[in-house]
PDB file of N, CA and C in Angstrom:
ATOM      1  N   MET A   1       0.915  -1.058  -0.221  1.00  0.00           N
ATOM      2  CA  MET A   1      -0.100   0.417   0.071  1.00  0.00           C
ATOM      3  C   MET A   1       0.708   1.752   0.007  1.00  0.00           C
ATOM      4  N   ILE A   2       0.457   2.385  -0.256  1.00  0.00           N
ATOM      5  CA  ILE A   2       1.326   3.788  -0.768  1.00  0.00           C
ATOM      6  C   ILE A   2       0.833   4.234   0.074  1.00  0.00           C
ATOM      7  N   ASP A   3       1.880   5.558   1.368  1.00  0.00           N
ATOM      8  CA  ASP A   3       1.680   5.968   3.032  1.00  0.00           C
ATOM      9  C   ASP A   3       1.688   6.960   1.839  1.00  0.00           C
ATOM     10  N   VAL A   4       1.353   8.254   2.925  1.00  0.00           N
ATOM     11  CA  VAL A   4       0.694   8.957   2.401  1.00  0.00           C
ATOM     12  C   VAL A   4       1.681  10.579   1.829  1.00  0.00           C
ATOM     13  N   ARG A   5       2.952  10.307   2.812  1.00  0.00           N
ATOM     14  CA  ARG A   5       3.955  11.077   2.063  1.00  0.00           C
ATOM     15  C   ARG A   5       4.040  10.671   0.290  1.00  0.00           C
ATOM     16  N   GLU A   6       3.712   9.240  -0.490  1.00  0.00           N
ATOM     17  CA  GLU A   6       3.822   8.803  -1.740  1.00  0.00           C
ATOM     18  C   GLU A   6       2.920   9.636  -1.625  1.00  0.00           C
ATOM     19  N   MET A   7       1.762   9.435  -2.169  1.00  0.00           N
ATOM     20  CA  MET A   7       0.463   9.947  -2.589  1.00  0.00           C
ATOM     21  C   MET A   7       0.908  11.683  -2.080  1.00  0.00           C
ATOM     22  N   ILE A   8       0.795  12.712  -1.525  1.00  0.00           N
ATOM     23  CA  ILE A   8       1.134  13.811  -1.453  1.00  0.00           C
ATOM     24  C   ILE A   8       2.598  14.160  -2.432  1.00  0.00           C
ATOM     25  N   THR A   9       3.336  12.777  -2.609  1.00  0.00           N
ATOM     26  CA  THR A   9       4.764  13.340  -3.715  1.00  0.00           C
ATOM     27  C   THR A   9       3.815  12.853  -5.210  1.00  0.00           C
ATOM     28  N   ARG A  10       2.507  12.132  -5.046  1.00  0.00           N
ATOM     29  CA  ARG A  10       2.136  11.942  -6.857  1.00  0.00           C
ATOM     30  C   ARG A  10       1.028  12.987  -6.852  1.00  0.00           C
ATOM     31  N   ALA A  11       0.646  13.660  -5.933  1.00  0.00           N
ATOM     32  CA  ALA A  11       0.159  14.798  -6.625  1.00  0.00           C
ATOM     33  C   ALA A  11       0.330  15.647  -6.488  1.00  0.00           C
ATOM     34  N   HIS A  12       1.545  16.091  -5.809  1.00  0.00           N
ATOM     35  CA  HIS A  12       1.919  17.007  -5.849  1.00  0.00           C
ATOM     36  C   HIS A  12       2.848  16.871  -7.630  1.00  0.00           C
ATOM     37  N   HIS A  13       3.174  16.377  -8.398  1.00  0.00           N
ATOM     38  CA  HIS A  13       3.783  15.957  -8.847  1.00  0.00           C
ATOM     39  C   HIS A  13       2.356  16.126 -10.654  1.00  0.00           C
ATOM     40  N   GLU A  14       1.602  15.600 -10.209  1.00  0.00           N
ATOM     41  CA  GLU A  14      -0.027  15.671 -11.182  1.00  0.00           C
ATOM     42  C   GLU A  14      -0.357  16.099 -10.804  1.00  0.00           C
ATOM     43  N   GLU A  15      -0.549  17.249  -9.482  1.00  0.00           N
ATOM     44  CA  GLU A  15      -1.712  17.657  -9.885  1.00  0.00           C
ATOM     45  C   GLU A  15      -1.456  19.549 -10.005  1.00  0.00           C
ATOM     46  N   TRP A  16      -0.350  19.637  -9.178  1.00  0.00           N
ATOM     47  CA  TRP A  16       0.571  20.739  -9.786  1.00  0.00           C
ATOM     48  C   TRP A  16      -0.300  21.395  -9.982  1.00  0.00           C
ATOM     49  N   ALA A  17       0.148  21.493 -11.203  1.00  0.00           N
ATOM     50  CA  ALA A  17      -0.061  22.399 -12.497  1.00  0.00           C
ATOM     51  C   ALA A  17      -1.764  22.976 -12.791  1.00  0.00           C
ATOM     52  N   ARG A  18      -2.628  21.690 -12.191  1.00  0.00           N
ATOM     53  CA  ARG A  18      -3.444  22.364 -12.407  1.00  0.00           C
ATOM     54  C   ARG A  18      -4.220  22.905 -11.409  1.00  0.00           C
ATOM     55  N   VAL A  19      -3.934  22.845 -10.601  1.00  0.00           N
ATOM     56  CA  VAL A  19      -4.544  23.647  -8.520  1.00  0.00           C
ATOM     57  C   VAL A  19      -3.640  25.541  -9.234  1.00  0.00           C
ATOM     58  N   VAL A  20      -2.361  25.036 -10.315  1.00  0.00           N
ATOM     59  CA  VAL A  20      -2.244  26.408  -9.900  1.00  0.00           C
ATOM     60  C   VAL A  20      -2.693  27.219 -11.103  1.00  0.00           C
ATOM     61  N   ALA A  21      -3.615  26.500 -12.020  1.00  0.00           N
ATOM     62  CA  ALA A  21      -4.058  27.110 -13.231  1.00  0.00           C
ATOM     63  C   ALA A  21      -5.118  26.776 -12.554  1.00  0.00           C
ATOM     64  N   ALA A  22      -6.221  26.748 -11.760  1.00  0.00           N
ATOM     65  CA  ALA A  22      -6.881  26.767 -11.257  1.00  0.00           C
ATOM     66  C   ALA A  22      -7.267  28.656 -10.479  1.00  0.00           C
ATOM     67  N   LEU A  23      -6.025  28.571 -10.098  1.00  0.00           N
ATOM     68  CA  LEU A  23      -6.217  29.190  -8.633  1.00  0.00           C
ATOM     69  C   LEU A  23      -6.213  31.055  -9.004  1.00  0.00           C
ATOM     70  N   THR A  24      -5.242  30.703 -10.265  1.00  0.00           N
ATOM     71  CA  THR A  24      -4.685  31.732 -11.653  1.00  0.00           C
ATOM     72  C   THR A  24      -5.787  32.310 -11.992  1.00  0.00           C
ATOM     73  N   ARG A  25      -6.150  31.586 -12.411  1.00  0.00           N
ATOM     74  CA  ARG A  25      -7.444  31.793 -12.274  1.00  0.00           C
ATOM     75  C   ARG A  25      -9.068  32.281 -11.806  1.00  0.00           C
ATOM     76  N   ARG A  26      -8.271  32.255 -10.594  1.00  0.00           N
ATOM     77  CA  ARG A  26      -9.627  32.452  -9.526  1.00  0.00           C
ATOM     78  C   ARG A  26      -9.165  34.127  -9.331  1.00  0.00           C
ATOM     79  N   PHE A  27      -7.084  33.687  -8.567  1.00  0.00           N
ATOM     80  CA  PHE A  27      -7.897  34.977  -8.596  1.00  0.00           C
ATOM     81  C   PHE A  27      -6.714  35.985  -8.989  1.00  0.00           C
ATOM     82  N   GLY A  28      -6.380  35.072 -10.415  1.00  0.00           N
ATOM     83  CA  GLY A  28      -5.675  36.871 -11.351  1.00  0.00           C
ATOM     84  C   GLY A  28      -4.072  37.541 -11.535  1.00  0.00           C
ATOM     85  N   ASP A  29      -4.010  36.563 -10.677  1.00  0.00           N
ATOM     86  CA  ASP A  29      -1.927  36.962 -10.678  1.00  0.00           C
ATOM     87  C   ASP A  29      -1.332  35.578 -10.474  1.00  0.00           C
ATOM     88  N   LEU A  30      -0.461  35.559 -10.389  1.00  0.00           N
ATOM     89  CA  LEU A  30       0.214  33.336 -10.292  1.00  0.00           C
ATOM     90  C   LEU A  30       1.045  33.633  -9.187  1.00  0.00           C
ATOM     91  N   ASP A  31       1.333  34.164  -9.147  1.00  0.00           N
ATOM     92  CA  ASP A  31       2.404  34.657  -7.448  1.00  0.00           C
ATOM     93  C   ASP A  31       1.228  34.861  -6.594  1.00  0.00           C
ATOM     94  N   ILE A  32       0.457  34.546  -6.528  1.00  0.00           N
ATOM     95  CA  ILE A  32      -0.830  34.246  -5.442  1.00  0.00           C
ATOM     96  C   ILE A  32      -1.125  33.434  -5.864  1.00  0.00           C
ATOM     97  N   ALA A  33      -1.204  33.199  -6.631  1.00  0.00           N
ATOM     98  CA  ALA A  33      -2.173  31.424  -7.286  1.00  0.00           C
ATOM     99  C   ALA A  33      -0.132  30.323  -6.635  1.00  0.00           C
ATOM    100  N   GLU A  34       0.386  30.443  -6.903  1.00  0.00           N
ATOM    101  CA  GLU A  34       1.754  29.522  -6.925  1.00  0.00           C
ATOM    102  C   GLU A  34       1.177  29.123  -5.050  1.00  0.00           C
ATOM    103  N   GLU A  35       1.535  30.835  -3.878  1.00  0.00           N
ATOM    104  CA  GLU A  35       1.964  30.997  -2.624  1.00  0.00           C
ATOM    105  C   GLU A  35       0.247  30.281  -3.227  1.00  0.00           C
ATOM    106  N   ALA A  36      -0.881  30.432  -2.499  1.00  0.00           N
ATOM    107  CA  ALA A  36      -1.427  29.733  -2.129  1.00  0.00           C
ATOM    108  C   ALA A  36      -1.284  28.826  -2.868  1.00  0.00           C
ATOM    109  N   ALA A  37      -1.555  27.255  -4.081  1.00  0.00           N
ATOM    110  CA  ALA A  37      -0.998  26.125  -3.386  1.00  0.00           C
ATOM    111  C   ALA A  37      -0.122  25.676  -2.756  1.00  0.00           C
ATOM    112  N   ALA A  38       1.033  26.480  -3.001  1.00  0.00           N
ATOM    113  CA  ALA A  38       2.273  25.699  -1.802  1.00  0.00           C
ATOM    114  C   ALA A  38       1.446  25.450  -0.295  1.00  0.00           C
ATOM    115  N   GLU A  39       0.690  26.782  -0.250  1.00  0.00           N
ATOM    116  CA  GLU A  39      -0.274  26.368   1.465  1.00  0.00           C
ATOM    117  C   GLU A  39      -0.825  25.538   1.256  1.00  0.00           C
ATOM    118  N   ALA A  40      -1.286  24.700  -0.142  1.00  0.00           N
ATOM    119  CA  ALA A  40      -2.820  23.794   0.522  1.00  0.00           C
ATOM    120  C   ALA A  40      -2.027  22.651   0.977  1.00  0.00           C
ATOM    121  N   PHE A  41      -0.772  22.447  -0.497  1.00  0.00           N
ATOM    122  CA  PHE A  41       0.229  21.377   0.214  1.00  0.00           C
ATOM    123  C   PHE A  41       0.942  21.187   1.257  1.00  0.00           C
ATOM    124  N   ALA A  42       1.053  22.273   2.806  1.00  0.00           N
ATOM    125  CA  ALA A  42       2.014  22.108   3.608  1.00  0.00           C
ATOM    126  C   ALA A  42       1.090  21.571   4.295  1.00  0.00           C
ATOM    127  N   THR A  43      -0.447  22.447   3.842  1.00  0.00           N
ATOM    128  CA  THR A  43      -1.733  21.950   4.836  1.00  0.00           C
ATOM    129  C   THR A  43      -1.537  20.589   4.571  1.00  0.00           C
ATOM    130  N   ALA A  44      -1.928  19.708   3.424  1.00  0.00           N
ATOM    131  CA  ALA A  44      -1.789  18.507   2.563  1.00  0.00           C
ATOM    132  C   ALA A  44      -1.542  17.911   3.992  1.00  0.00           C
ATOM    133  N   VAL A  45       0.056  17.618   4.235  1.00  0.00           N
ATOM    134  CA  VAL A  45       0.882  17.293   4.240  1.00  0.00           C
ATOM    135  C   VAL A  45       0.959  18.060   6.157  1.00  0.00           C
ATOM    136  N   GLU A  46       0.429  18.409   6.562  1.00  0.00           N
ATOM    137  CA  GLU A  46      -0.558  18.384   7.800  1.00  0.00           C
ATOM    138  C   GLU A  46      -0.914  17.679   8.283  1.00  0.00           C
ATOM    139  N   ARG A  47      -2.543  17.321   7.406  1.00  0.00           N
ATOM    140  CA  ARG A  47      -3.641  17.123   7.639  1.00  0.00           C
ATOM    141  C   ARG A  47      -3.652  15.413   7.941  1.00  0.00           C
ATOM    142  N   TRP A  48      -3.085  14.856   6.015  1.00  0.00           N
ATOM    143  CA  TRP A  48      -3.652  13.522   5.111  1.00  0.00           C
ATOM    144  C   TRP A  48      -3.227  12.854   6.194  1.00  0.00           C
ATOM    145  N   PRO A  49      -1.735  13.080   6.658  1.00  0.00           N
ATOM    146  CA  PRO A  49      -1.825  11.624   8.117  1.00  0.00           C
ATOM    147  C   PRO A  49      -2.198  11.474   9.399  1.00  0.00           C
ATOM    148  N   ALA A  50      -3.102  12.582   9.392  1.00  0.00           N
ATOM    149  CA  ALA A  50      -4.437  12.070  10.377  1.00  0.00           C
ATOM    150  C   ALA A  50      -5.481  11.923   9.734  1.00  0.00           C
ATOM    151  N   ASP A  51      -6.082  12.683   8.714  1.00  0.00           N
ATOM    152  CA  ASP A  51      -6.533  12.542   8.233  1.00  0.00           C
ATOM    153  C   ASP A  51      -8.048  11.287   7.075  1.00  0.00           C
ATOM    154  N   GLY A  52      -7.141  11.517   6.619  1.00  0.00           N
ATOM    155  CA  GLY A  52      -5.925  10.606   5.304  1.00  0.00           C
ATOM    156  C   GLY A  52      -6.537  11.058   3.777  1.00  0.00           C
ATOM    157  N   VAL A  53      -6.069  10.351   3.042  1.00  0.00           N
ATOM    158  CA  VAL A  53      -5.827  11.409   1.764  1.00  0.00           C
ATOM    159  C   VAL A  53      -7.458  11.480   1.269  1.00  0.00           C
ATOM    160  N   PRO A  54      -8.337  12.531   0.195  1.00  0.00           N
ATOM    161  CA  PRO A  54      -8.445  12.579   0.032  1.00  0.00           C
ATOM    162  C   PRO A  54      -9.408  11.762  -1.418  1.00  0.00           C
ATOM    163  N   PRO A  55     -10.744  11.628  -1.617  1.00  0.00           N
ATOM    164  CA  PRO A  55     -11.081  10.562  -3.010  1.00  0.00           C
ATOM    165  C   PRO A  55      -9.957  11.852  -4.664  1.00  0.00           C
ATOM    166  N   ASN A  56     -10.980  12.743  -3.798  1.00  0.00           N
ATOM    167  CA  ASN A  56      -9.988  13.990  -5.177  1.00  0.00           C
ATOM    168  C   ASN A  56      -8.977  14.707  -4.307  1.00  0.00           C
ATOM    169  N   ALA A  57      -7.905  15.012  -5.302  1.00  0.00           N
ATOM    170  CA  ALA A  57      -6.746  15.469  -3.702  1.00  0.00           C
ATOM    171  C   ALA A  57      -7.030  16.782  -4.545  1.00  0.00           C
ATOM    172  N   GLY A  58      -6.584  16.778  -5.788  1.00  0.00           N
ATOM    173  CA  GLY A  58      -7.151  18.132  -6.881  1.00  0.00           C
ATOM    174  C   GLY A  58      -7.393  18.625  -6.366  1.00  0.00           C
ATOM    175  N   ALA A  59      -8.654  18.965  -6.600  1.00  0.00           N
ATOM    176  CA  ALA A  59     -10.279  19.251  -6.000  1.00  0.00           C
ATOM    177  C   ALA A  59     -10.079  19.805  -4.258  1.00  0.00           C
ATOM    178  N   TRP A  60      -9.568  18.646  -3.327  1.00  0.00           N
ATOM    179  CA  TRP A  60      -8.895  19.304  -2.120  1.00  0.00           C
ATOM    180  C   TRP A  60      -7.991  20.601  -2.203  1.00  0.00           C
ATOM    181  N   LEU A  61      -7.402  20.336  -3.442  1.00  0.00           N
ATOM    182  CA  LEU A  61      -5.470  20.881  -3.013  1.00  0.00           C
ATOM    183  C   LEU A  61      -6.005  22.037  -3.476  1.00  0.00           C
ATOM    184  N   THR A  62      -7.392  22.436  -4.461  1.00  0.00           N
ATOM    185  CA  THR A  62      -7.623  23.656  -4.771  1.00  0.00           C
ATOM    186  C   THR A  62      -8.844  25.048  -4.619  1.00  0.00           C
ATOM    187  N   THR A  63      -9.273  23.391  -2.916  1.00  0.00           N
ATOM    188  CA  THR A  63     -10.303  24.169  -2.107  1.00  0.00           C
ATOM    189  C   THR A  63      -9.724  24.682  -1.020  1.00  0.00           C
ATOM    190  N   THR A  64      -8.940  24.211  -0.249  1.00  0.00           N
ATOM    191  CA  THR A  64      -8.543  24.516   0.406  1.00  0.00           C
ATOM    192  C   THR A  64      -7.383  25.655   1.037  1.00  0.00           C
TER     193      THR A  64
END
């Protein structure tokens, strides 16, 4: 079974560009979008080990 750290790494690899693109559309600023995405991934590192990996990691990261 894949551990949470691997899932976070996979989500970062697979979802980073989509999350940043969605947040750029939302905020209209790439720098703010990248900062928000980084904060969302930092929150995932804190929460996912205890709460579990959400079924749709990209959506979770975009809305966190």
